[in-house]
Amino acid sequence: MFLNLDQLGKQLEKEEYQEIGSFDAFRVLMTQFQTFINFRYYFNDDEGLMIRKYFIAYTKIDVPLFHATLIQHMESLRESILERAMHKREKDKRMSDRMMQSKE
């Protein structure tokens, strides 16, 4: 999972932005988190209470808050990728228009 997170980070930091590579890395990351995002575990039995206790000890955050934060961050990441792709397309269009004007 962290390898895919690193790959996504590298894709987003590249000077020459590649929308397809960024979305591919995002989709892999989303697939890995999908189990947790869709997770609906009720902590009303002994096993559930123990899972919750270990989760809080490890993450220092309660499960519902972690779940909401994860979804919020994934959505923010998706929006950032889309916004950067839009800026790249606008820049490419401006460059193309300039090239056409200089040829005339």
Protein backbone atom coordinates (compact mmCIF):
# COMPACT_ATOMS: atom_id res chain seq x y z
CA MET A 1 0.00 0.00 0.00
CA PHE A 2 2.75 2.46 0.89
CA LEU A 3 4.53 1.62 -2.35
CA ASN A 4 1.43 2.71 -4.27
CA LEU A 5 1.15 5.83 -2.14
CA ASP A 6 4.79 6.63 -2.98
CA GLN A 7 4.11 6.01 -6.69
CA LEU A 8 1.15 8.38 -6.59
CA GLY A 9 3.26 10.99 -4.82
CA LYS A 10 5.97 10.69 -7.48
CA GLN A 11 3.38 11.01 -10.26
CA LEU A 12 1.95 14.17 -8.71
CA GLU A 13 5.38 15.73 -8.13
CA LYS A 14 6.60 15.25 -11.70
CA GLU A 15 7.19 18.43 -13.62
CA GLU A 16 5.68 16.82 -16.73
CA TYR A 17 2.29 15.79 -15.38
CA GLN A 18 0.80 12.53 -16.63
CA GLU A 19 -2.90 12.30 -15.91
CA ILE A 20 -3.17 8.60 -16.79
CA GLY A 21 -0.32 7.56 -14.49
CA SER A 22 -1.71 9.59 -11.61
CA PHE A 23 -5.19 8.16 -11.99
CA ASP A 24 -3.80 4.62 -12.29
CA ALA A 25 -1.90 5.04 -9.03
CA PHE A 26 -4.99 6.61 -7.42
CA ARG A 27 -7.20 3.70 -8.53
CA VAL A 28 -4.77 1.14 -7.09
CA LEU A 29 -4.70 3.02 -3.80
CA MET A 30 -8.50 3.35 -3.78
CA THR A 31 -8.86 -0.39 -4.43
CA GLN A 32 -6.60 -1.16 -1.49
CA PHE A 33 -8.61 1.11 0.81
CA GLN A 34 -11.97 -0.05 -0.57
CA THR A 35 -12.25 -2.86 1.98
CA PHE A 36 -11.90 -0.38 4.82
CA ILE A 37 -14.10 2.25 3.17
CA ASN A 38 -16.92 -0.29 2.77
CA PHE A 39 -16.21 -1.72 6.23
CA ARG A 40 -19.27 -1.90 8.46
CA TYR A 41 -18.28 -3.68 11.62
CA TYR A 42 -20.36 -3.43 14.72
CA PHE A 43 -18.24 -3.34 17.84
CA ASN A 44 -20.82 -4.79 20.18
CA ASP A 45 -19.22 -8.19 20.84
CA ASP A 46 -15.94 -9.10 22.53
CA GLU A 47 -14.05 -9.54 19.26
CA GLY A 48 -15.32 -6.23 17.91
CA LEU A 49 -14.40 -4.38 21.08
CA MET A 50 -10.89 -5.87 20.96
CA ILE A 51 -10.48 -4.87 17.29
CA ARG A 52 -11.61 -1.34 18.12
CA LYS A 53 -9.25 -1.16 21.09
CA TYR A 54 -6.24 -2.29 19.00
CA PHE A 55 -7.19 0.03 16.15
CA ILE A 56 -7.38 3.04 18.46
CA ALA A 57 -4.09 2.08 20.13
CA TYR A 58 -2.38 1.78 16.73
CA THR A 59 -3.86 4.80 14.94
CA LYS A 60 -4.65 7.03 17.94
CA ILE A 61 -8.03 7.75 16.34
CA ASP A 62 -11.47 6.14 16.63
CA VAL A 63 -12.69 4.00 13.72
CA PRO A 64 -15.60 6.21 12.52
CA LEU A 65 -13.41 9.32 12.56
CA PHE A 66 -10.61 7.51 10.72
CA HIS A 67 -13.15 6.24 8.18
CA ALA A 68 -14.55 9.73 7.56
CA THR A 69 -11.06 11.26 7.37
CA LEU A 70 -9.89 8.60 4.90
CA ILE A 71 -12.87 9.22 2.61
CA GLN A 72 -12.33 12.98 2.83
CA HIS A 73 -8.64 12.69 1.96
CA MET A 74 -9.28 10.31 -0.93
CA GLU A 75 -11.87 12.71 -2.37
CA SER A 76 -9.48 15.64 -1.93
CA LEU A 77 -6.74 13.69 -3.68
CA ARG A 78 -9.07 12.83 -6.58
CA GLU A 79 -10.06 16.50 -6.92
CA SER A 80 -6.40 17.54 -6.92
CA ILE A 81 -5.62 15.11 -9.72
CA LEU A 82 -8.58 16.37 -11.75
CA GLU A 83 -7.64 20.01 -11.14
CA ARG A 84 -4.04 19.43 -12.14
CA ALA A 85 -5.16 17.60 -15.28
CA MET A 86 -7.44 20.52 -16.19
CA HIS A 87 -4.57 23.01 -15.73
CA LYS A 88 -2.30 20.81 -17.85
CA ARG A 89 -4.87 20.69 -20.66
CA GLU A 90 -5.33 24.49 -20.49
CA LYS A 91 -1.57 25.01 -20.61
CA ASP A 92 -1.22 22.61 -23.54
CA LYS A 93 -4.01 24.43 -25.39
CA ARG A 94 -2.33 27.82 -24.83
CA MET A 95 0.99 26.43 -26.04
CA SER A 96 -0.70 24.96 -29.09
CA ASP A 97 -2.43 28.27 -29.84
CA ARG A 98 0.88 30.12 -29.57
CA MET A 99 2.54 27.64 -31.91
CA MET A 100 -0.25 28.14 -34.44
CA GLN A 101 0.05 31.94 -34.18
CA SER A 102 3.80 31.86 -34.62
CA LYS A 103 3.45 29.71 -37.77
CA GLU A 104 1.09 32.23 -39.36
